[in-house]
Protein backbone atom coordinates (compact mmCIF):
# COMPACT_ATOMS: atom_id res chain seq x y z
CA UNK A 1 9.75 10.68 13.55
CA UNK A 2 11.21 7.37 14.43
CA UNK A 3 9.14 4.18 14.51
CA UNK A 4 9.20 2.25 17.76
CA UNK A 5 10.88 -1.06 17.02
CA UNK A 6 8.93 -1.59 13.81
CA UNK A 7 5.53 -1.40 15.49
CA UNK A 8 4.71 1.70 13.46
CA UNK A 9 3.96 3.88 16.48
CA UNK A 10 5.72 7.03 17.52
CA UNK A 11 7.90 6.35 20.51
CA UNK A 12 8.06 9.36 22.80
CA UNK A 13 6.31 12.54 23.94
CA UNK A 14 8.82 14.51 21.86
CA UNK A 15 7.85 12.53 18.76
CA UNK A 16 4.18 12.95 19.64
CA UNK A 17 4.66 16.71 19.84
CA UNK A 18 6.30 16.76 16.40
CA UNK A 19 3.51 14.61 14.97
CA UNK A 20 0.87 16.95 16.37
CA UNK A 21 2.66 19.92 14.78
CA UNK A 22 2.63 18.08 11.46
CA UNK A 23 -1.06 17.18 11.95
CA UNK A 24 -1.86 20.86 12.46
CA UNK A 25 -0.59 21.53 8.91
CA UNK A 26 -3.25 19.13 7.61
CA UNK A 27 -5.86 21.81 8.30
CA UNK A 28 -4.53 23.72 5.28
CA UNK A 29 -6.77 23.64 2.17
CA UNK A 30 -3.77 22.60 0.06
CA UNK A 31 -3.34 19.55 2.27
CA UNK A 32 -6.29 17.67 3.78
CA UNK A 33 -8.49 20.63 4.76
CA UNK A 34 -9.32 19.12 8.15
CA UNK A 35 -11.40 20.97 10.70
CA UNK A 36 -10.50 20.66 14.38
CA UNK A 37 -13.49 18.34 14.85
CA UNK A 38 -12.29 16.16 11.96
CA UNK A 39 -8.82 16.03 13.46
CA UNK A 40 -10.32 14.91 16.78
CA UNK A 41 -12.31 12.21 14.99
CA UNK A 42 -9.26 10.89 13.13
CA UNK A 43 -7.43 10.67 16.45
CA UNK A 44 -10.11 8.35 17.81
CA UNK A 45 -12.92 10.72 18.72
CA UNK A 46 -10.99 12.57 21.39
CA UNK A 47 -12.59 15.60 23.06
CA UNK A 48 -11.94 18.90 21.31
CA UNK A 49 -10.66 20.47 24.53
CA UNK A 50 -8.11 17.66 25.00
CA UNK A 51 -6.88 18.13 21.44
CA UNK A 52 -6.55 21.89 21.95
CA UNK A 53 -4.41 21.32 25.08
CA UNK A 54 -2.17 18.87 23.19
CA UNK A 55 -1.90 21.19 20.21
CA UNK A 56 -0.98 24.18 22.37
CA UNK A 57 1.83 22.19 24.00
CA UNK A 58 3.02 20.88 20.65
CA UNK A 59 3.04 24.32 19.03
CA UNK A 60 5.13 25.52 21.99
CA UNK A 61 7.47 22.58 21.28
CA UNK A 62 6.69 20.94 24.61
CA UNK A 63 6.53 17.15 24.89
CA UNK A 64 3.01 15.70 24.81
CA UNK A 65 2.03 12.43 26.47
CA UNK A 66 -0.41 10.56 24.25
CA UNK A 67 -2.00 7.16 24.56
CA UNK A 68 -0.65 4.33 22.46
CA UNK A 69 -3.87 4.42 20.39
CA UNK A 70 -3.54 8.12 19.52
CA UNK A 71 0.16 7.74 18.77
CA UNK A 72 -0.55 4.81 16.45
CA UNK A 73 -3.25 6.81 14.67
CA UNK A 74 -0.86 9.72 14.15
CA UNK A 75 1.77 7.33 12.85
CA UNK A 76 -0.70 5.82 10.37
CA UNK A 77 -1.89 9.25 9.24
CA UNK A 78 1.69 10.36 8.70
CA UNK A 79 2.37 7.15 6.76
CA UNK A 80 -0.68 7.81 4.59
CA UNK A 81 0.54 11.34 3.96
CA UNK A 82 4.02 10.15 3.02
CA UNK A 83 2.58 7.49 0.71
CA UNK A 84 0.52 10.18 -1.07
CA UNK A 85 3.68 12.15 -1.63
CA UNK A 86 5.36 9.12 -3.20
CA UNK A 87 2.54 8.38 -5.66
CA UNK A 88 2.05 12.03 -6.64
CA UNK A 89 4.04 13.43 -9.56
CA UNK A 90 6.95 15.52 -8.26
CA UNK A 91 5.82 18.61 -10.12
CA UNK A 92 2.21 18.37 -8.84
CA UNK A 93 2.30 18.19 -5.00
CA UNK A 94 -1.19 19.69 -4.74
CA UNK A 95 -2.60 16.47 -6.18
CA UNK A 96 -1.92 14.63 -2.90
CA UNK A 97 -4.32 16.89 -1.00
CA UNK A 98 -6.87 16.77 -3.81
CA UNK A 99 -6.75 12.98 -3.90
CA UNK A 100 -7.49 12.79 -0.18
CA UNK A 101 -10.61 14.93 -0.66
CA UNK A 102 -11.91 13.69 -4.03
CA UNK A 103 -14.45 10.85 -4.38
CA UNK A 104 -12.71 7.59 -5.27
CA UNK A 105 -14.33 4.82 -7.30
CA UNK A 106 -12.12 2.06 -5.87
CA UNK A 107 -14.23 -0.65 -4.20
CA UNK A 108 -12.69 0.11 -0.80
CA UNK A 109 -14.00 3.68 -0.82
CA UNK A 110 -17.35 3.06 -2.61
CA UNK A 111 -17.40 6.48 -4.22
CA UNK A 112 -16.35 8.34 -1.07
CA UNK A 113 -13.22 10.41 -0.72
CA UNK A 114 -10.50 8.96 1.48
CA UNK A 115 -11.28 11.76 3.95
CA UNK A 116 -14.97 10.83 4.12
CA UNK A 117 -14.13 7.12 4.29
CA UNK A 118 -11.84 7.63 7.29
CA UNK A 119 -14.15 10.05 9.09
CA UNK A 120 -17.28 7.93 8.58
CA UNK A 121 -15.60 4.85 10.02
CA UNK A 122 -13.34 6.41 12.62
CA UNK A 123 -11.55 3.13 13.19
CA UNK A 124 -7.97 2.00 13.28
CA UNK A 125 -8.96 -0.66 10.73
CA UNK A 126 -9.93 2.07 8.25
CA UNK A 127 -6.56 3.80 8.72
CA UNK A 128 -4.75 0.51 8.11
CA UNK A 129 -6.92 -0.19 5.03
CA UNK A 130 -6.01 3.17 3.45
CA UNK A 131 -2.36 2.64 4.29
CA UNK A 132 -2.38 -0.82 2.66
CA UNK A 133 -4.19 0.58 -0.39
CA UNK A 134 -1.55 3.28 -0.85
CA UNK A 135 1.31 0.85 -0.24
CA UNK A 136 -0.11 -1.37 -2.99
CA UNK A 137 -0.45 1.64 -5.32
CA UNK A 138 3.23 2.43 -4.76
CA UNK A 139 4.18 -1.08 -5.79
């Protein structure tokens, strides 16, 4: 996926489709173990039916037109995922998914897992906060 001029958002319906296919893999227990309702919440509280239509198109490799907000959220979520991969030991990829779901004692998360933190807030600001946290952890 290619950033749009440095703004951090995905730039086209083709990129959106690819991002939605990636996001579908986050339902896996070894990844983020997201339910469909949790996926909808992370994408800004979109209706489940809307998400299912998008996902069906994406899984058929059709372009999907998404709002700038949803595209930015997907871009941030993908960035968070990539950052996890960079801070996880190469021989322990399962730790990235565990870290997303395990309570965290950092002041930002206040004992919540990153997953719970993001879902309880549901805001773009929360996505940016997690992204900044992980970028700082990477050094």
